[in-house]
């Protein structure tokens, strides 16, 4: 029996304050950078994700930023976009602190998110194509399905586009993502 796995521990969500955002950004970048290093051997090119992307997510008026707590101690964070009209909700950012990986906290945190928003019809999120840990987690542990692959010839409609041909090849390599969905209940409005 692995004693590091979550058993009687409690994973909960707590709304974050804006004063918490700088430390959360640092933890998020450490967690995401570990995935890039696992996939490519290094993380050249600056912070991952970039400061601007994280700030945009943290400070968006429609987003809710939560700490993920393990027995009251910070173990990660999540940024959610909740649509109370359609109940089609999305995950902007989700991370478990590097020091808390492989302990079952992510799956327990996902359960806490679902419990917090039981009216959700569909959860959506996007993750980089190379992030095998994320793909395994969302598909095999949380019940998501991959529903779309974004790349140079089929870009994410929510991602800024560039007309610069030089940057187009960089975008092709850098901005390949899978879109995931988890249908919680059928949408009665269709």
N, C-alpha and C. Protein backbone atom coordinates (compact mmCIF):
# COMPACT_ATOMS: atom_id res chain seq x y z
N UNK A 1 0.84 -1.19 0.00
CA UNK A 1 0.00 0.00 0.00
C UNK A 1 0.88 1.25 0.00
N UNK A 2 0.62 2.15 -0.90
CA UNK A 2 1.39 3.38 -1.00
C UNK A 2 0.86 4.39 0.01
N UNK A 3 1.68 4.71 0.98
CA UNK A 3 1.26 5.63 2.06
C UNK A 3 1.16 7.07 1.58
N UNK A 4 1.71 7.36 0.39
CA UNK A 4 1.63 8.73 -0.13
C UNK A 4 0.29 9.04 -0.76
N UNK A 5 -0.52 8.04 -1.04
CA UNK A 5 -1.82 8.28 -1.67
C UNK A 5 -2.79 8.90 -0.68
N UNK A 6 -3.69 9.72 -1.20
CA UNK A 6 -4.71 10.36 -0.38
C UNK A 6 -5.68 9.28 0.08
N UNK A 7 -5.96 9.21 1.35
CA UNK A 7 -6.95 8.25 1.84
C UNK A 7 -7.94 8.98 2.73
N UNK A 8 -7.54 9.26 3.95
CA UNK A 8 -8.43 9.94 4.88
C UNK A 8 -8.25 11.46 4.84
N UNK A 9 -7.33 11.90 3.99
CA UNK A 9 -7.09 13.34 3.86
C UNK A 9 -8.25 14.00 3.14
N UNK A 10 -8.42 15.29 3.38
CA UNK A 10 -9.52 16.02 2.77
C UNK A 10 -8.98 17.06 1.80
N UNK A 11 -9.49 17.00 0.56
CA UNK A 11 -9.13 17.98 -0.46
C UNK A 11 -10.34 18.88 -0.67
N UNK A 12 -10.12 20.19 -0.52
CA UNK A 12 -11.20 21.17 -0.64
C UNK A 12 -10.75 22.34 -1.52
N UNK A 13 -11.70 23.19 -1.85
CA UNK A 13 -11.44 24.41 -2.62
C UNK A 13 -11.68 25.61 -1.73
N UNK A 14 -10.88 26.66 -1.94
CA UNK A 14 -11.04 27.91 -1.22
C UNK A 14 -10.75 29.05 -2.19
N UNK A 15 -11.70 30.00 -2.30
CA UNK A 15 -11.47 31.13 -3.20
C UNK A 15 -10.19 31.86 -2.83
N UNK A 16 -9.41 32.18 -3.85
CA UNK A 16 -8.14 32.89 -3.65
C UNK A 16 -8.39 34.39 -3.69
N UNK A 17 -7.54 35.14 -3.03
CA UNK A 17 -7.54 36.60 -3.09
C UNK A 17 -6.51 37.04 -4.12
N UNK A 18 -6.68 38.24 -4.66
CA UNK A 18 -5.71 38.74 -5.63
C UNK A 18 -4.30 38.80 -5.06
N UNK A 19 -4.18 38.98 -3.75
CA UNK A 19 -2.84 39.01 -3.13
C UNK A 19 -2.14 37.66 -3.25
N UNK A 20 -2.92 36.58 -3.47
CA UNK A 20 -2.36 35.23 -3.59
C UNK A 20 -1.84 34.94 -5.00
N UNK A 21 -2.25 35.74 -5.99
CA UNK A 21 -1.97 35.43 -7.38
C UNK A 21 -0.48 35.31 -7.70
N UNK A 22 0.40 36.19 -7.20
CA UNK A 22 1.83 36.04 -7.53
C UNK A 22 2.41 34.70 -7.07
N UNK A 23 2.09 34.26 -5.88
CA UNK A 23 2.63 32.97 -5.41
C UNK A 23 1.98 31.81 -6.17
N UNK A 24 0.71 31.94 -6.51
CA UNK A 24 0.04 30.89 -7.29
C UNK A 24 0.65 30.81 -8.69
N UNK A 25 0.97 31.97 -9.28
CA UNK A 25 1.59 31.99 -10.61
C UNK A 25 2.91 31.25 -10.58
N UNK A 26 3.71 31.49 -9.55
CA UNK A 26 5.02 30.83 -9.43
C UNK A 26 4.84 29.32 -9.31
N UNK A 27 3.91 28.88 -8.46
CA UNK A 27 3.66 27.44 -8.29
C UNK A 27 3.16 26.81 -9.59
N UNK A 28 2.26 27.50 -10.28
CA UNK A 28 1.72 27.00 -11.53
C UNK A 28 2.83 26.85 -12.57
N UNK A 29 3.68 27.85 -12.69
CA UNK A 29 4.77 27.79 -13.66
C UNK A 29 5.75 26.67 -13.32
N UNK A 30 6.02 26.44 -12.04
CA UNK A 30 6.89 25.32 -11.65
C UNK A 30 6.27 23.99 -12.05
N UNK A 31 4.97 23.84 -11.82
CA UNK A 31 4.28 22.59 -12.16
C UNK A 31 4.25 22.37 -13.67
N UNK A 32 3.94 23.43 -14.44
CA UNK A 32 3.85 23.29 -15.90
C UNK A 32 5.24 23.09 -16.51
N UNK A 33 6.25 23.77 -15.98
CA UNK A 33 7.61 23.63 -16.49
C UNK A 33 8.10 22.21 -16.31
N UNK A 34 7.74 21.56 -15.22
CA UNK A 34 8.13 20.16 -15.00
C UNK A 34 7.61 19.28 -16.13
N UNK A 35 6.40 19.54 -16.61
CA UNK A 35 5.85 18.77 -17.72
C UNK A 35 6.61 19.00 -19.02
N UNK A 36 7.02 20.24 -19.26
CA UNK A 36 7.79 20.55 -20.46
C UNK A 36 9.15 19.87 -20.40
N UNK A 37 9.79 19.90 -19.25
CA UNK A 37 11.09 19.25 -19.10
C UNK A 37 10.95 17.74 -19.28
N UNK A 38 9.89 17.15 -18.74
CA UNK A 38 9.66 15.71 -18.93
C UNK A 38 9.52 15.37 -20.41
N UNK A 39 8.84 16.23 -21.17
CA UNK A 39 8.58 15.95 -22.58
C UNK A 39 9.76 16.28 -23.49
N UNK A 40 10.49 17.38 -23.19
CA UNK A 40 11.48 17.87 -24.12
C UNK A 40 12.90 17.94 -23.56
N UNK A 41 13.09 17.67 -22.28
CA UNK A 41 14.42 17.69 -21.69
C UNK A 41 14.85 19.03 -21.15
N UNK A 42 14.22 20.11 -21.57
CA UNK A 42 14.51 21.43 -21.03
C UNK A 42 13.29 22.32 -21.23
N UNK A 43 13.37 23.50 -20.69
CA UNK A 43 12.26 24.45 -20.79
C UNK A 43 12.77 25.80 -21.23
N UNK A 44 13.51 25.80 -22.34
CA UNK A 44 14.05 27.06 -22.88
C UNK A 44 12.93 27.97 -23.32
N UNK A 45 13.18 29.26 -23.26
CA UNK A 45 12.23 30.22 -23.82
C UNK A 45 11.40 30.95 -22.79
N UNK A 46 11.76 30.89 -21.54
CA UNK A 46 11.05 31.69 -20.55
C UNK A 46 10.05 30.91 -19.73
N UNK A 47 9.19 31.64 -19.06
CA UNK A 47 8.21 31.05 -18.15
C UNK A 47 7.12 30.31 -18.93
N UNK A 48 6.68 29.20 -18.37
CA UNK A 48 5.63 28.39 -18.99
C UNK A 48 4.54 28.15 -17.96
N UNK A 49 3.32 28.52 -18.28
CA UNK A 49 2.90 29.45 -19.33
C UNK A 49 3.44 30.85 -19.04
N UNK A 50 3.42 31.70 -20.05
CA UNK A 50 3.94 33.06 -19.86
C UNK A 50 3.13 33.84 -18.82
N UNK A 51 3.80 34.76 -18.16
CA UNK A 51 3.14 35.60 -17.14
C UNK A 51 1.86 36.23 -17.66
N UNK A 52 1.91 36.74 -18.90
CA UNK A 52 0.75 37.43 -19.46
C UNK A 52 -0.47 36.51 -19.56
N UNK A 53 -0.26 35.26 -19.97
CA UNK A 53 -1.37 34.31 -20.10
C UNK A 53 -2.00 34.00 -18.74
N UNK A 54 -1.15 33.82 -17.75
CA UNK A 54 -1.65 33.51 -16.41
C UNK A 54 -2.41 34.72 -15.86
N UNK A 55 -1.82 35.91 -15.99
CA UNK A 55 -2.48 37.12 -15.49
C UNK A 55 -3.83 37.31 -16.16
N UNK A 56 -3.89 37.08 -17.47
CA UNK A 56 -5.16 37.22 -18.20
C UNK A 56 -6.21 36.28 -17.60
N UNK A 57 -5.80 35.08 -17.28
CA UNK A 57 -6.74 34.11 -16.70
C UNK A 57 -7.12 34.48 -15.27
N UNK A 58 -6.13 34.82 -14.45
CA UNK A 58 -6.40 35.16 -13.05
C UNK A 58 -7.30 36.39 -12.91
N UNK A 59 -7.07 37.39 -13.74
CA UNK A 59 -7.76 38.67 -13.57
C UNK A 59 -9.01 38.84 -14.45
N UNK A 60 -9.37 37.83 -15.24
CA UNK A 60 -10.58 37.93 -16.06
C UNK A 60 -11.80 38.01 -15.14
N UNK A 61 -12.67 38.96 -15.41
CA UNK A 61 -13.82 39.22 -14.55
C UNK A 61 -14.72 38.00 -14.39
N UNK A 62 -14.83 37.18 -15.43
CA UNK A 62 -15.74 36.04 -15.37
C UNK A 62 -15.12 34.79 -14.74
N UNK A 63 -13.82 34.83 -14.41
CA UNK A 63 -13.16 33.66 -13.86
C UNK A 63 -13.15 33.65 -12.34
N UNK A 64 -13.17 32.45 -11.79
CA UNK A 64 -13.05 32.23 -10.35
C UNK A 64 -11.74 31.49 -10.09
N UNK A 65 -10.94 32.01 -9.17
CA UNK A 65 -9.64 31.42 -8.86
C UNK A 65 -9.72 30.78 -7.48
N UNK A 66 -9.38 29.50 -7.42
CA UNK A 66 -9.45 28.75 -6.17
C UNK A 66 -8.08 28.18 -5.82
N UNK A 67 -7.82 28.11 -4.51
CA UNK A 67 -6.74 27.29 -3.99
C UNK A 67 -7.28 25.88 -3.89
N UNK A 68 -6.44 24.90 -4.15
CA UNK A 68 -6.75 23.51 -3.84
C UNK A 68 -6.04 23.23 -2.52
N UNK A 69 -6.81 22.84 -1.52
CA UNK A 69 -6.27 22.62 -0.18
C UNK A 69 -6.27 21.14 0.17
N UNK A 70 -5.19 20.68 0.75
CA UNK A 70 -5.09 19.33 1.31
C UNK A 70 -5.03 19.49 2.82
N UNK A 71 -6.10 19.08 3.48
CA UNK A 71 -6.19 19.24 4.94
C UNK A 71 -5.90 20.69 5.36
N UNK A 72 -6.41 21.64 4.59
CA UNK A 72 -6.26 23.05 4.92
C UNK A 72 -4.98 23.70 4.43
N UNK A 73 -4.06 22.91 3.86
CA UNK A 73 -2.79 23.45 3.37
C UNK A 73 -2.83 23.55 1.84
N UNK A 74 -2.27 24.62 1.29
CA UNK A 74 -2.29 24.84 -0.16
C UNK A 74 -1.50 23.74 -0.88
N UNK A 75 -2.16 23.14 -1.89
CA UNK A 75 -1.54 22.06 -2.65
C UNK A 75 -1.66 22.28 -4.16
N UNK A 76 -2.30 23.38 -4.57
CA UNK A 76 -2.47 23.65 -5.98
C UNK A 76 -3.49 24.75 -6.19
N UNK A 77 -3.97 24.86 -7.42
CA UNK A 77 -4.96 25.88 -7.73
C UNK A 77 -5.71 25.56 -9.01
N UNK A 78 -6.82 26.25 -9.18
CA UNK A 78 -7.63 26.07 -10.38
C UNK A 78 -8.33 27.39 -10.71
N UNK A 79 -8.44 27.66 -12.01
CA UNK A 79 -9.18 28.83 -12.49
C UNK A 79 -10.34 28.28 -13.32
N UNK A 80 -11.55 28.65 -12.92
CA UNK A 80 -12.76 28.15 -13.56
C UNK A 80 -13.55 29.29 -14.17
N UNK A 81 -14.21 28.99 -15.28
CA UNK A 81 -15.16 29.91 -15.89
C UNK A 81 -16.51 29.21 -15.80
N UNK A 82 -17.41 29.77 -14.99
CA UNK A 82 -18.72 29.17 -14.73
C UNK A 82 -19.78 29.97 -15.47
N UNK A 83 -20.57 29.29 -16.30
CA UNK A 83 -21.65 29.96 -17.02
C UNK A 83 -22.98 29.52 -16.41
N UNK A 84 -23.59 30.37 -15.57
CA UNK A 84 -24.82 29.99 -14.88
C UNK A 84 -26.04 29.85 -15.79
N UNK A 85 -25.96 30.37 -17.02
CA UNK A 85 -27.08 30.24 -17.96
C UNK A 85 -27.04 28.90 -18.69
N UNK A 86 -25.90 28.56 -19.28
CA UNK A 86 -25.80 27.35 -20.09
C UNK A 86 -25.32 26.14 -19.30
N UNK A 87 -24.66 26.39 -18.19
CA UNK A 87 -24.03 25.33 -17.37
C UNK A 87 -22.97 24.57 -18.16
N UNK A 88 -22.41 25.22 -19.18
CA UNK A 88 -21.23 24.72 -19.89
C UNK A 88 -20.06 25.47 -19.28
N UNK A 89 -19.33 24.80 -18.42
CA UNK A 89 -18.27 25.42 -17.64
C UNK A 89 -16.91 24.97 -18.16
N UNK A 90 -15.89 25.79 -17.89
CA UNK A 90 -14.57 25.43 -18.38
C UNK A 90 -13.50 25.64 -17.32
N UNK A 91 -12.42 24.90 -17.53
CA UNK A 91 -11.24 25.00 -16.69
C UNK A 91 -10.21 25.77 -17.49
N UNK A 92 -9.80 26.92 -16.97
CA UNK A 92 -8.79 27.74 -17.63
C UNK A 92 -7.39 27.24 -17.28
N UNK A 93 -7.14 27.05 -16.01
CA UNK A 93 -5.86 26.55 -15.51
C UNK A 93 -6.13 25.61 -14.34
N UNK A 94 -5.35 24.56 -14.24
CA UNK A 94 -5.49 23.60 -13.15
C UNK A 94 -4.11 23.04 -12.87
N UNK A 95 -3.67 23.13 -11.64
CA UNK A 95 -2.35 22.61 -11.31
C UNK A 95 -2.31 22.08 -9.89
N UNK A 96 -1.45 21.11 -9.71
CA UNK A 96 -1.10 20.61 -8.38
C UNK A 96 0.37 20.99 -8.20
N UNK A 97 0.71 21.54 -7.05
CA UNK A 97 2.09 21.94 -6.78
C UNK A 97 3.04 20.77 -7.00
N UNK A 98 4.20 21.05 -7.55
CA UNK A 98 5.18 20.01 -7.86
C UNK A 98 5.47 19.11 -6.67
N UNK A 99 5.51 19.68 -5.48
CA UNK A 99 5.81 18.89 -4.28
C UNK A 99 4.67 17.96 -3.89
N UNK A 100 3.50 18.11 -4.52
CA UNK A 100 2.34 17.29 -4.16
C UNK A 100 1.93 16.31 -5.26
N UNK A 101 2.74 16.18 -6.32
CA UNK A 101 2.39 15.27 -7.41
C UNK A 101 2.39 13.82 -6.96
N UNK A 102 1.63 12.99 -7.69
CA UNK A 102 1.58 11.54 -7.52
C UNK A 102 1.07 11.09 -6.16
N UNK A 103 0.15 11.88 -5.59
CA UNK A 103 -0.42 11.52 -4.29
C UNK A 103 -1.94 11.40 -4.36
N UNK A 104 -2.52 11.52 -5.56
CA UNK A 104 -3.97 11.42 -5.71
C UNK A 104 -4.70 12.72 -5.46
N UNK A 105 -3.97 13.80 -5.25
CA UNK A 105 -4.59 15.09 -4.94
C UNK A 105 -5.36 15.63 -6.14
N UNK A 106 -4.82 15.47 -7.34
CA UNK A 106 -5.48 15.97 -8.54
C UNK A 106 -6.86 15.38 -8.73
N UNK A 107 -6.96 14.07 -8.59
CA UNK A 107 -8.25 13.42 -8.77
C UNK A 107 -9.23 13.83 -7.67
N UNK A 108 -8.75 13.93 -6.45
CA UNK A 108 -9.61 14.39 -5.34
C UNK A 108 -10.03 15.85 -5.56
N UNK A 109 -9.12 16.66 -6.10
CA UNK A 109 -9.46 18.06 -6.39
C UNK A 109 -10.51 18.12 -7.48
N UNK A 110 -10.38 17.28 -8.51
CA UNK A 110 -11.38 17.29 -9.57
C UNK A 110 -12.75 16.92 -9.00
N UNK A 111 -12.80 15.94 -8.12
CA UNK A 111 -14.06 15.55 -7.48
C UNK A 111 -14.64 16.73 -6.69
N UNK A 112 -13.79 17.47 -6.00
CA UNK A 112 -14.25 18.65 -5.24
C UNK A 112 -14.81 19.72 -6.18
N UNK A 113 -14.21 19.89 -7.36
CA UNK A 113 -14.71 20.85 -8.34
C UNK A 113 -16.09 20.41 -8.83
N UNK A 114 -16.23 19.14 -9.19
CA UNK A 114 -17.54 18.64 -9.63
C UNK A 114 -18.59 18.81 -8.54
N UNK A 115 -18.21 18.53 -7.29
CA UNK A 115 -19.15 18.67 -6.17
C UNK A 115 -19.55 20.13 -5.95
N UNK A 116 -18.62 21.06 -6.20
CA UNK A 116 -18.88 22.49 -6.02
C UNK A 116 -19.88 23.01 -7.07
N UNK A 117 -19.88 22.37 -8.26
CA UNK A 117 -20.73 22.83 -9.36
C UNK A 117 -21.56 21.67 -9.92
N UNK A 118 -22.50 21.14 -9.11
CA UNK A 118 -23.28 19.96 -9.53
C UNK A 118 -24.25 20.25 -10.68
N UNK A 119 -24.54 21.52 -10.94
CA UNK A 119 -25.46 21.87 -12.02
C UNK A 119 -24.80 21.87 -13.39
N UNK A 120 -23.51 21.60 -13.44
CA UNK A 120 -22.76 21.61 -14.70
C UNK A 120 -23.29 20.55 -15.66
N UNK A 121 -23.55 20.97 -16.91
CA UNK A 121 -23.91 20.03 -17.97
C UNK A 121 -22.65 19.47 -18.64
N UNK A 122 -21.70 20.37 -18.95
CA UNK A 122 -20.48 19.99 -19.65
C UNK A 122 -19.31 20.77 -19.08
N UNK A 123 -18.20 20.06 -18.83
CA UNK A 123 -16.92 20.69 -18.48
C UNK A 123 -16.05 20.67 -19.73
N UNK A 124 -15.32 21.75 -19.98
CA UNK A 124 -14.40 21.82 -21.10
C UNK A 124 -13.04 22.29 -20.61
N UNK A 125 -12.00 21.86 -21.31
CA UNK A 125 -10.65 22.37 -21.05
C UNK A 125 -9.78 22.06 -22.25
N UNK A 126 -8.63 22.72 -22.31
CA UNK A 126 -7.67 22.52 -23.38
C UNK A 126 -6.32 22.29 -22.73
N UNK A 127 -5.54 21.34 -23.27
CA UNK A 127 -4.21 21.08 -22.74
C UNK A 127 -3.25 20.78 -23.89
N UNK A 128 -1.96 21.08 -23.73
CA UNK A 128 -1.00 20.85 -24.82
C UNK A 128 -0.93 19.37 -25.23
N UNK A 129 -0.72 19.14 -26.51
CA UNK A 129 -0.70 17.79 -27.06
C UNK A 129 0.37 16.90 -26.44
N UNK A 130 1.49 17.48 -26.00
CA UNK A 130 2.62 16.69 -25.51
C UNK A 130 2.48 16.30 -24.04
N UNK A 131 1.53 16.85 -23.35
CA UNK A 131 1.39 16.64 -21.90
C UNK A 131 0.72 15.31 -21.59
N UNK A 132 1.49 14.23 -21.72
CA UNK A 132 0.94 12.89 -21.53
C UNK A 132 0.35 12.70 -20.14
N UNK A 133 0.97 13.32 -19.14
CA UNK A 133 0.42 13.20 -17.78
C UNK A 133 -0.98 13.78 -17.72
N UNK A 134 -1.18 14.96 -18.34
CA UNK A 134 -2.50 15.60 -18.36
C UNK A 134 -3.51 14.75 -19.12
N UNK A 135 -3.09 14.24 -20.28
CA UNK A 135 -4.00 13.43 -21.10
C UNK A 135 -4.44 12.21 -20.30
N UNK A 136 -3.50 11.52 -19.69
CA UNK A 136 -3.82 10.36 -18.84
C UNK A 136 -4.76 10.77 -17.71
N UNK A 137 -4.44 11.85 -17.04
CA UNK A 137 -5.25 12.30 -15.90
C UNK A 137 -6.68 12.60 -16.33
N UNK A 138 -6.85 13.44 -17.35
CA UNK A 138 -8.20 13.86 -17.72
C UNK A 138 -9.02 12.72 -18.33
N UNK A 139 -8.40 11.89 -19.18
CA UNK A 139 -9.15 10.81 -19.83
C UNK A 139 -9.34 9.63 -18.89
N UNK A 140 -8.27 9.12 -18.33
CA UNK A 140 -8.33 7.87 -17.56
C UNK A 140 -8.75 8.03 -16.12
N UNK A 141 -8.49 9.17 -15.53
CA UNK A 141 -8.82 9.37 -14.11
C UNK A 141 -10.11 10.15 -13.90
N UNK A 142 -10.37 11.13 -14.79
CA UNK A 142 -11.50 12.03 -14.56
C UNK A 142 -12.67 11.84 -15.52
N UNK A 143 -12.53 11.00 -16.55
CA UNK A 143 -13.65 10.70 -17.43
C UNK A 143 -13.90 11.67 -18.57
N UNK A 144 -12.92 12.49 -18.91
CA UNK A 144 -13.05 13.39 -20.06
C UNK A 144 -12.83 12.62 -21.35
N UNK A 145 -13.28 13.21 -22.45
CA UNK A 145 -13.01 12.68 -23.79
C UNK A 145 -12.34 13.77 -24.60
N UNK A 146 -11.41 13.35 -25.45
CA UNK A 146 -10.79 14.30 -26.38
C UNK A 146 -11.78 14.49 -27.52
N UNK A 147 -12.14 15.75 -27.78
CA UNK A 147 -13.15 16.03 -28.79
C UNK A 147 -12.62 16.86 -29.97
N UNK A 148 -11.41 17.40 -29.83
CA UNK A 148 -10.88 18.22 -30.92
C UNK A 148 -9.37 18.35 -30.76
N UNK A 149 -8.68 18.51 -31.89
CA UNK A 149 -7.24 18.73 -31.90
C UNK A 149 -6.98 20.05 -32.62
N UNK A 150 -6.41 21.02 -31.90
CA UNK A 150 -6.10 22.33 -32.47
C UNK A 150 -4.64 22.34 -32.93
N UNK A 151 -4.43 22.86 -34.15
CA UNK A 151 -3.10 22.95 -34.72
C UNK A 151 -3.11 24.06 -35.78
N UNK A 152 -2.02 24.19 -36.50
CA UNK A 152 -1.87 25.29 -37.46
C UNK A 152 -3.04 25.37 -38.44
N UNK A 153 -3.51 24.25 -38.95
CA UNK A 153 -4.57 24.25 -39.96
C UNK A 153 -5.96 24.13 -39.36
N UNK A 154 -6.03 23.99 -38.06
CA UNK A 154 -7.32 23.96 -37.34
C UNK A 154 -7.09 24.63 -35.98
N UNK A 155 -6.95 25.96 -35.98
CA UNK A 155 -6.58 26.67 -34.74
C UNK A 155 -7.74 26.77 -33.75
N UNK A 156 -7.38 26.90 -32.51
CA UNK A 156 -8.35 27.13 -31.44
C UNK A 156 -9.00 28.49 -31.71
N UNK A 157 -10.32 28.53 -31.84
CA UNK A 157 -10.97 29.82 -32.13
C UNK A 157 -10.84 30.83 -31.00
N UNK A 158 -10.48 30.38 -29.81
CA UNK A 158 -10.31 31.28 -28.67
C UNK A 158 -8.88 31.76 -28.50
N UNK A 159 -7.97 31.28 -29.34
CA UNK A 159 -6.56 31.63 -29.22
C UNK A 159 -6.22 32.71 -30.24
N UNK A 160 -5.45 33.73 -29.85
CA UNK A 160 -5.10 34.81 -30.79
C UNK A 160 -4.37 34.25 -32.01
N UNK A 161 -4.72 34.77 -33.19
CA UNK A 161 -4.10 34.33 -34.44
C UNK A 161 -3.07 35.34 -34.88
N UNK A 162 -2.10 34.88 -35.63
CA UNK A 162 -1.10 35.78 -36.19
C UNK A 162 -1.10 35.64 -37.70
N UNK A 163 -0.90 36.72 -38.41
CA UNK A 163 -0.79 36.66 -39.87
C UNK A 163 0.68 36.63 -40.29
N UNK A 164 1.57 36.71 -39.34
CA UNK A 164 3.01 36.70 -39.57
C UNK A 164 3.45 35.28 -39.96
N UNK A 165 3.87 35.08 -41.23
CA UNK A 165 4.25 33.75 -41.71
C UNK A 165 5.42 33.17 -40.94
N UNK A 166 6.36 34.02 -40.53
CA UNK A 166 7.52 33.53 -39.79
C UNK A 166 7.08 32.91 -38.47
N UNK A 167 6.13 33.54 -37.81
CA UNK A 167 5.65 33.02 -36.54
C UNK A 167 4.64 31.89 -36.71
N UNK A 168 4.12 31.70 -37.92
CA UNK A 168 3.13 30.65 -38.15
C UNK A 168 3.72 29.28 -37.89
N UNK A 169 4.98 29.03 -38.32
CA UNK A 169 5.58 27.71 -38.07
C UNK A 169 5.84 27.52 -36.58
N UNK A 170 6.21 28.58 -35.88
CA UNK A 170 6.39 28.49 -34.44
C UNK A 170 5.06 28.18 -33.77
N UNK A 171 3.99 28.85 -34.23
CA UNK A 171 2.67 28.60 -33.68
C UNK A 171 2.26 27.15 -33.92
N UNK A 172 2.61 26.60 -35.10
CA UNK A 172 2.28 25.22 -35.40
C UNK A 172 2.90 24.28 -34.38
N UNK A 173 4.15 24.51 -34.05
CA UNK A 173 4.84 23.65 -33.08
C UNK A 173 4.40 23.94 -31.66
N UNK A 174 4.18 25.20 -31.35
CA UNK A 174 3.94 25.61 -29.97
C UNK A 174 2.49 25.48 -29.55
N UNK A 175 1.56 25.69 -30.45
CA UNK A 175 0.17 25.80 -30.05
C UNK A 175 -0.68 24.64 -30.58
N UNK A 176 -0.21 23.43 -30.36
CA UNK A 176 -1.00 22.25 -30.65
C UNK A 176 -1.61 21.77 -29.34
N UNK A 177 -2.93 21.70 -29.33
CA UNK A 177 -3.66 21.38 -28.11
C UNK A 177 -4.77 20.39 -28.38
N UNK A 178 -5.12 19.62 -27.34
CA UNK A 178 -6.33 18.82 -27.36
C UNK A 178 -7.41 19.55 -26.58
N UNK A 179 -8.63 19.51 -27.10
CA UNK A 179 -9.78 20.00 -26.36
C UNK A 179 -10.47 18.78 -25.75
N UNK A 180 -10.77 18.88 -24.46
CA UNK A 180 -11.42 17.81 -23.73
C UNK A 180 -12.81 18.27 -23.30
N UNK A 181 -13.74 17.33 -23.22
CA UNK A 181 -15.06 17.59 -22.67
C UNK A 181 -15.45 16.44 -21.75
N UNK A 182 -16.21 16.79 -20.74
CA UNK A 182 -16.83 15.80 -19.88
C UNK A 182 -18.30 16.18 -19.76
N UNK A 183 -19.16 15.32 -20.32
CA UNK A 183 -20.60 15.56 -20.26
C UNK A 183 -21.09 15.01 -18.93
N UNK A 184 -21.64 15.90 -18.13
CA UNK A 184 -22.13 15.51 -16.80
C UNK A 184 -23.59 15.10 -16.87
N UNK A 185 -24.36 15.85 -17.65
CA UNK A 185 -25.77 15.52 -17.88
C UNK A 185 -26.18 16.15 -19.19
N UNK A 186 -27.14 15.57 -19.82
CA UNK A 186 -27.59 16.06 -21.11
C UNK A 186 -28.21 17.44 -20.97
N UNK A 187 -27.89 18.30 -21.91
CA UNK A 187 -28.42 19.66 -21.96
C UNK A 187 -29.85 19.60 -22.47
N UNK A 188 -30.81 19.99 -21.64
CA UNK A 188 -32.23 19.92 -21.97
C UNK A 188 -32.67 21.01 -22.92
N UNK A 189 -31.83 22.01 -23.19
CA UNK A 189 -32.23 23.14 -24.03
C UNK A 189 -32.07 22.83 -25.51
N UNK A 190 -31.45 21.67 -25.87
CA UNK A 190 -31.22 21.35 -27.27
C UNK A 190 -32.43 20.74 -27.92
